N, C-alpha and C. Protein backbone atom coordinates (compact mmCIF):
# COMPACT_ATOMS: atom_id res chain seq x y z
N MET A 1 141.97 93.76 -1.90
CA MET A 1 141.13 93.28 -0.82
C MET A 1 139.68 93.14 -1.28
N THR A 2 139.22 94.00 -2.14
CA THR A 2 137.85 93.93 -2.63
C THR A 2 137.59 92.62 -3.37
N ALA A 3 138.52 92.23 -4.21
CA ALA A 3 138.37 90.97 -4.95
C ALA A 3 138.36 89.78 -4.00
N PHE A 4 139.20 89.83 -2.98
CA PHE A 4 139.27 88.75 -1.99
C PHE A 4 137.93 88.57 -1.29
N ILE A 5 137.35 89.67 -0.83
CA ILE A 5 136.08 89.62 -0.11
C ILE A 5 134.93 89.22 -1.03
N THR A 6 135.02 89.60 -2.30
CA THR A 6 133.97 89.25 -3.26
C THR A 6 133.97 87.75 -3.56
N VAL A 7 135.13 87.17 -3.69
CA VAL A 7 135.25 85.76 -4.08
C VAL A 7 135.08 84.82 -2.89
N LEU A 8 135.45 85.24 -1.71
CA LEU A 8 135.44 84.36 -0.53
C LEU A 8 134.14 83.59 -0.32
N PRO A 9 132.97 84.20 -0.36
CA PRO A 9 131.74 83.44 -0.13
C PRO A 9 131.40 82.46 -1.27
N LEU A 10 132.01 82.65 -2.43
CA LEU A 10 131.67 81.84 -3.60
C LEU A 10 132.62 80.68 -3.84
N ALA A 11 133.80 80.72 -3.24
CA ALA A 11 134.84 79.73 -3.53
C ALA A 11 134.87 78.60 -2.50
N ASP A 12 135.28 77.43 -2.97
CA ASP A 12 135.51 76.31 -2.06
C ASP A 12 136.94 76.35 -1.52
N VAL A 13 137.88 76.78 -2.38
CA VAL A 13 139.29 76.88 -2.01
C VAL A 13 139.83 78.19 -2.56
N MET A 14 140.60 78.90 -1.74
CA MET A 14 141.24 80.14 -2.19
C MET A 14 142.71 80.12 -1.81
N VAL A 15 143.55 80.56 -2.72
CA VAL A 15 144.97 80.77 -2.44
C VAL A 15 145.19 82.27 -2.50
N ALA A 16 145.69 82.83 -1.39
CA ALA A 16 145.84 84.29 -1.32
C ALA A 16 147.08 84.65 -0.50
N GLU A 17 147.37 85.94 -0.45
CA GLU A 17 148.49 86.43 0.33
C GLU A 17 148.24 86.19 1.82
N LYS A 18 149.33 86.00 2.55
CA LYS A 18 149.23 85.67 3.97
C LYS A 18 148.43 86.68 4.76
N GLN A 19 148.60 87.96 4.48
CA GLN A 19 147.91 88.98 5.28
C GLN A 19 146.39 88.88 5.12
N PHE A 20 145.92 88.60 3.91
CA PHE A 20 144.48 88.47 3.69
C PHE A 20 143.93 87.20 4.31
N VAL A 21 144.67 86.11 4.19
CA VAL A 21 144.25 84.84 4.78
C VAL A 21 144.20 84.97 6.30
N ASN A 22 145.20 85.60 6.89
CA ASN A 22 145.21 85.76 8.35
C ASN A 22 144.04 86.61 8.84
N LEU A 23 143.73 87.68 8.14
CA LEU A 23 142.59 88.52 8.53
C LEU A 23 141.28 87.75 8.42
N ALA A 24 141.13 86.99 7.36
CA ALA A 24 139.90 86.21 7.17
C ALA A 24 139.77 85.14 8.23
N ARG A 25 140.87 84.50 8.59
CA ARG A 25 140.82 83.47 9.63
C ARG A 25 140.51 84.07 10.99
N GLN A 26 141.07 85.22 11.30
CA GLN A 26 140.78 85.89 12.58
C GLN A 26 139.31 86.25 12.69
N ALA A 27 138.70 86.58 11.57
CA ALA A 27 137.27 86.93 11.55
C ALA A 27 136.39 85.69 11.36
N HIS A 28 137.00 84.51 11.28
CA HIS A 28 136.29 83.23 11.11
C HIS A 28 135.46 83.20 9.83
N LEU A 29 135.92 83.92 8.81
CA LEU A 29 135.19 83.94 7.55
C LEU A 29 135.32 82.61 6.80
N ASP A 30 136.44 81.92 7.00
CA ASP A 30 136.61 80.63 6.33
C ASP A 30 135.59 79.62 6.83
N ALA A 31 135.34 79.60 8.13
CA ALA A 31 134.35 78.67 8.69
C ALA A 31 132.93 79.09 8.31
N ARG A 32 132.68 80.38 8.34
CA ARG A 32 131.34 80.89 8.03
C ARG A 32 130.93 80.55 6.60
N HIS A 33 131.89 80.64 5.68
CA HIS A 33 131.58 80.41 4.26
C HIS A 33 132.04 79.03 3.78
N GLU A 34 132.52 78.21 4.71
CA GLU A 34 133.00 76.86 4.38
C GLU A 34 134.00 76.88 3.23
N THR A 35 134.99 77.76 3.36
CA THR A 35 136.03 77.94 2.35
C THR A 35 137.38 77.55 2.94
N THR A 36 138.16 76.80 2.19
CA THR A 36 139.51 76.46 2.60
C THR A 36 140.43 77.57 2.13
N LEU A 37 141.16 78.17 3.06
CA LEU A 37 142.07 79.26 2.74
C LEU A 37 143.51 78.76 2.79
N LEU A 38 144.24 79.01 1.73
CA LEU A 38 145.63 78.58 1.63
C LEU A 38 146.51 79.78 1.30
N THR A 39 147.77 79.69 1.71
CA THR A 39 148.72 80.76 1.41
C THR A 39 149.75 80.34 0.38
N SER A 40 149.72 79.07 -0.01
CA SER A 40 150.69 78.58 -0.99
C SER A 40 150.00 77.66 -1.99
N ILE A 41 150.36 77.81 -3.23
CA ILE A 41 149.81 76.95 -4.28
C ILE A 41 150.26 75.51 -4.08
N HIS A 42 151.37 75.31 -3.38
CA HIS A 42 151.90 73.97 -3.15
C HIS A 42 151.04 73.18 -2.16
N ASP A 43 150.18 73.85 -1.43
CA ASP A 43 149.30 73.18 -0.47
C ASP A 43 148.10 72.52 -1.14
N LEU A 44 147.90 72.81 -2.41
CA LEU A 44 146.80 72.17 -3.13
C LEU A 44 147.13 70.73 -3.32
């Protein structure tokens, strides 16, 4: 989780586990940091 939170403000796109992506979306961190959050590499 520490690595996820560290990288989130710096990345344009992140692929991560569903639980981390869901928590970040609930907290609106993706919108705040203008980061696209994905749960599958196939979505790239």
